[in-house]
N, C-alpha and C. Protein backbone atom coordinates (compact mmCIF):
# COMPACT_ATOMS: atom_id res chain seq x y z
N MET A 1 0.84 -1.18 0.00
CA MET A 1 0.00 0.00 0.00
C MET A 1 0.89 1.24 0.00
N ALA A 2 0.57 2.20 -0.86
CA ALA A 2 1.35 3.42 -0.97
C ALA A 2 1.04 4.36 0.19
N ALA A 3 2.06 5.08 0.62
CA ALA A 3 1.87 6.05 1.70
C ALA A 3 1.06 7.24 1.17
N MET A 4 0.22 7.78 2.03
CA MET A 4 -0.58 8.93 1.65
C MET A 4 0.31 10.17 1.60
N LEU A 5 0.14 10.96 0.55
CA LEU A 5 0.90 12.18 0.42
C LEU A 5 0.23 13.28 1.23
N THR A 6 0.95 13.78 2.22
CA THR A 6 0.48 14.90 3.03
C THR A 6 1.40 16.08 2.76
N ARG A 7 1.02 17.24 3.23
CA ARG A 7 1.89 18.41 3.06
C ARG A 7 3.22 18.21 3.78
N ASP A 8 3.18 17.59 4.96
CA ASP A 8 4.43 17.35 5.70
C ASP A 8 5.35 16.39 4.94
N VAL A 9 4.77 15.34 4.37
CA VAL A 9 5.57 14.38 3.60
C VAL A 9 6.17 15.07 2.37
N LEU A 10 5.34 15.85 1.67
CA LEU A 10 5.83 16.55 0.49
C LEU A 10 6.91 17.56 0.86
N LYS A 11 6.71 18.30 1.94
CA LYS A 11 7.70 19.28 2.38
C LYS A 11 9.04 18.60 2.68
N SER A 12 8.99 17.46 3.34
CA SER A 12 10.20 16.71 3.67
C SER A 12 10.90 16.23 2.39
N TYR A 13 10.11 15.72 1.45
CA TYR A 13 10.69 15.24 0.20
C TYR A 13 11.34 16.39 -0.57
N LEU A 14 10.64 17.51 -0.67
CA LEU A 14 11.18 18.65 -1.41
C LEU A 14 12.43 19.21 -0.74
N ALA A 15 12.48 19.19 0.58
CA ALA A 15 13.66 19.67 1.30
C ALA A 15 14.89 18.84 0.97
N ASP A 16 14.70 17.54 0.76
CA ASP A 16 15.81 16.64 0.48
C ASP A 16 16.13 16.52 -1.01
N MET A 17 15.28 17.08 -1.86
CA MET A 17 15.45 16.96 -3.30
C MET A 17 16.59 17.85 -3.78
N PRO A 18 17.48 17.32 -4.62
CA PRO A 18 18.60 18.14 -5.11
C PRO A 18 18.12 19.27 -6.03
N ALA A 19 18.89 20.33 -6.08
CA ALA A 19 18.59 21.45 -6.96
C ALA A 19 18.47 20.98 -8.40
N GLY A 20 17.47 21.52 -9.10
CA GLY A 20 17.27 21.16 -10.49
C GLY A 20 16.32 20.00 -10.70
N HIS A 21 16.01 19.26 -9.65
CA HIS A 21 15.11 18.11 -9.79
C HIS A 21 13.66 18.57 -9.77
N VAL A 22 12.78 17.70 -10.28
CA VAL A 22 11.36 18.01 -10.42
C VAL A 22 10.52 16.97 -9.71
N PHE A 23 9.51 17.42 -8.98
CA PHE A 23 8.49 16.53 -8.40
C PHE A 23 7.20 16.78 -9.16
N ASP A 24 6.63 15.72 -9.73
CA ASP A 24 5.37 15.82 -10.45
C ASP A 24 4.21 15.65 -9.48
N LEU A 25 3.36 16.66 -9.40
CA LEU A 25 2.18 16.65 -8.54
C LEU A 25 0.95 16.60 -9.44
N THR A 26 0.27 15.47 -9.46
CA THR A 26 -0.91 15.34 -10.31
C THR A 26 -2.04 16.21 -9.79
N TYR A 27 -3.00 16.50 -10.65
CA TYR A 27 -4.15 17.29 -10.22
C TYR A 27 -4.88 16.60 -9.07
N GLY A 28 -4.93 15.27 -9.08
CA GLY A 28 -5.57 14.54 -7.99
C GLY A 28 -4.85 14.76 -6.67
N GLN A 29 -3.53 14.68 -6.68
CA GLN A 29 -2.74 14.93 -5.47
C GLN A 29 -2.89 16.38 -5.04
N PHE A 30 -2.88 17.29 -6.00
CA PHE A 30 -3.05 18.71 -5.72
C PHE A 30 -4.37 18.96 -5.00
N ALA A 31 -5.45 18.35 -5.48
CA ALA A 31 -6.77 18.53 -4.86
C ALA A 31 -6.78 17.99 -3.44
N GLY A 32 -6.07 16.89 -3.19
CA GLY A 32 -6.01 16.33 -1.85
C GLY A 32 -5.24 17.20 -0.88
N LEU A 33 -4.21 17.87 -1.37
CA LEU A 33 -3.36 18.71 -0.52
C LEU A 33 -3.86 20.14 -0.40
N PHE A 34 -4.48 20.63 -1.46
CA PHE A 34 -4.95 22.02 -1.51
C PHE A 34 -6.38 22.07 -2.06
N PRO A 35 -7.33 21.62 -1.23
CA PRO A 35 -8.72 21.57 -1.71
C PRO A 35 -9.26 22.97 -2.01
N PRO A 36 -10.12 23.09 -2.98
CA PRO A 36 -10.74 22.02 -3.75
C PRO A 36 -9.93 21.59 -4.97
N GLY A 37 -8.76 22.14 -5.15
CA GLY A 37 -7.92 21.75 -6.29
C GLY A 37 -8.17 22.60 -7.51
N GLU A 38 -7.86 22.04 -8.64
CA GLU A 38 -7.97 22.74 -9.92
C GLU A 38 -9.44 22.96 -10.26
N PRO A 39 -9.87 24.12 -10.71
CA PRO A 39 -9.14 25.31 -11.11
C PRO A 39 -9.20 26.44 -10.09
N ASP A 40 -9.35 26.13 -8.82
CA ASP A 40 -9.54 27.15 -7.79
C ASP A 40 -8.31 28.05 -7.65
N PRO A 41 -8.47 29.38 -7.82
CA PRO A 41 -7.30 30.28 -7.73
C PRO A 41 -6.68 30.34 -6.34
N PHE A 42 -7.49 30.14 -5.29
CA PHE A 42 -6.94 30.16 -3.94
C PHE A 42 -6.10 28.90 -3.67
N ALA A 43 -6.52 27.78 -4.21
CA ALA A 43 -5.73 26.55 -4.09
C ALA A 43 -4.41 26.70 -4.84
N ARG A 44 -4.46 27.31 -6.01
CA ARG A 44 -3.23 27.55 -6.78
C ARG A 44 -2.29 28.48 -6.02
N ALA A 45 -2.84 29.52 -5.41
CA ALA A 45 -2.01 30.46 -4.64
C ALA A 45 -1.37 29.76 -3.44
N ALA A 46 -2.14 28.89 -2.79
CA ALA A 46 -1.61 28.14 -1.64
C ALA A 46 -0.48 27.22 -2.09
N LEU A 47 -0.63 26.57 -3.24
CA LEU A 47 0.44 25.71 -3.76
C LEU A 47 1.68 26.53 -4.06
N ARG A 48 1.52 27.68 -4.68
CA ARG A 48 2.69 28.51 -5.02
C ARG A 48 3.41 29.00 -3.77
N ALA A 49 2.66 29.38 -2.74
CA ALA A 49 3.27 29.82 -1.49
C ALA A 49 4.00 28.66 -0.82
N PHE A 50 3.39 27.48 -0.81
CA PHE A 50 4.01 26.29 -0.23
C PHE A 50 5.30 25.96 -0.97
N ALA A 51 5.25 25.96 -2.29
CA ALA A 51 6.43 25.63 -3.10
C ALA A 51 7.55 26.64 -2.85
N ARG A 52 7.20 27.91 -2.76
CA ARG A 52 8.20 28.96 -2.50
C ARG A 52 8.90 28.71 -1.17
N GLU A 53 8.12 28.34 -0.14
CA GLU A 53 8.71 28.02 1.18
C GLU A 53 9.68 26.85 1.09
N CYS A 54 9.42 25.96 0.15
CA CYS A 54 10.25 24.75 -0.01
C CYS A 54 11.38 24.95 -1.02
N GLY A 55 11.54 26.17 -1.52
CA GLY A 55 12.62 26.45 -2.46
C GLY A 55 12.35 25.96 -3.87
N CYS A 56 11.06 25.90 -4.23
CA CYS A 56 10.69 25.39 -5.55
C CYS A 56 9.89 26.41 -6.35
N ASP A 57 9.98 26.28 -7.66
CA ASP A 57 9.13 27.01 -8.58
C ASP A 57 8.04 26.05 -9.06
N VAL A 58 6.90 26.60 -9.45
CA VAL A 58 5.76 25.79 -9.90
C VAL A 58 5.54 26.04 -11.38
N VAL A 59 5.42 24.95 -12.14
CA VAL A 59 5.08 25.02 -13.55
C VAL A 59 3.88 24.13 -13.77
N GLN A 60 2.81 24.71 -14.33
CA GLN A 60 1.60 23.92 -14.60
C GLN A 60 1.70 23.30 -15.98
N ASP A 61 1.41 22.00 -16.06
CA ASP A 61 1.38 21.28 -17.33
C ASP A 61 -0.06 20.84 -17.56
N ILE A 62 -0.84 21.68 -18.24
CA ILE A 62 -2.26 21.42 -18.43
C ILE A 62 -2.48 20.15 -19.23
N ALA A 63 -1.69 19.93 -20.28
CA ALA A 63 -1.85 18.74 -21.12
C ALA A 63 -1.68 17.45 -20.34
N GLU A 64 -0.80 17.46 -19.34
CA GLU A 64 -0.54 16.28 -18.52
C GLU A 64 -1.32 16.28 -17.22
N ALA A 65 -2.11 17.33 -16.97
CA ALA A 65 -2.92 17.46 -15.74
C ALA A 65 -2.07 17.31 -14.48
N ARG A 66 -1.02 18.14 -14.43
CA ARG A 66 -0.11 18.07 -13.27
C ARG A 66 0.60 19.40 -13.10
N TYR A 67 1.22 19.52 -11.95
CA TYR A 67 2.13 20.63 -11.66
C TYR A 67 3.53 20.04 -11.48
N GLU A 68 4.52 20.78 -11.92
CA GLU A 68 5.91 20.40 -11.67
C GLU A 68 6.44 21.33 -10.60
N LEU A 69 6.97 20.76 -9.53
CA LEU A 69 7.64 21.53 -8.49
C LEU A 69 9.13 21.38 -8.72
N ARG A 70 9.74 22.44 -9.22
CA ARG A 70 11.16 22.40 -9.60
C ARG A 70 12.01 23.06 -8.52
N LYS A 71 12.95 22.30 -7.98
CA LYS A 71 13.84 22.83 -6.94
C LYS A 71 14.77 23.85 -7.55
N ARG A 72 14.77 25.04 -6.98
CA ARG A 72 15.61 26.14 -7.49
C ARG A 72 17.09 25.86 -7.22
N ARG A 73 17.88 26.38 -8.11
CA ARG A 73 19.35 26.34 -7.96
C ARG A 73 19.76 27.66 -7.33
N ASP A 74 20.13 27.63 -6.07
CA ASP A 74 20.47 28.88 -5.37
C ASP A 74 21.88 29.30 -5.58
């Protein structure tokens, strides 16, 4: 059974992720972490703020129904 993705789990993973790497966050995962999910502008803003705290940029891939959280190179 797969572990449930929580904000704490994601934050821990992103903290350990090397610069330049990407974490793919599906729209389903996004909705679970930042309800109600896509296309809510407040959920999107919450994701962007969360990613910024974790040192990541957010890129939306509409065709693939996901967000890419890219670890910044400081």
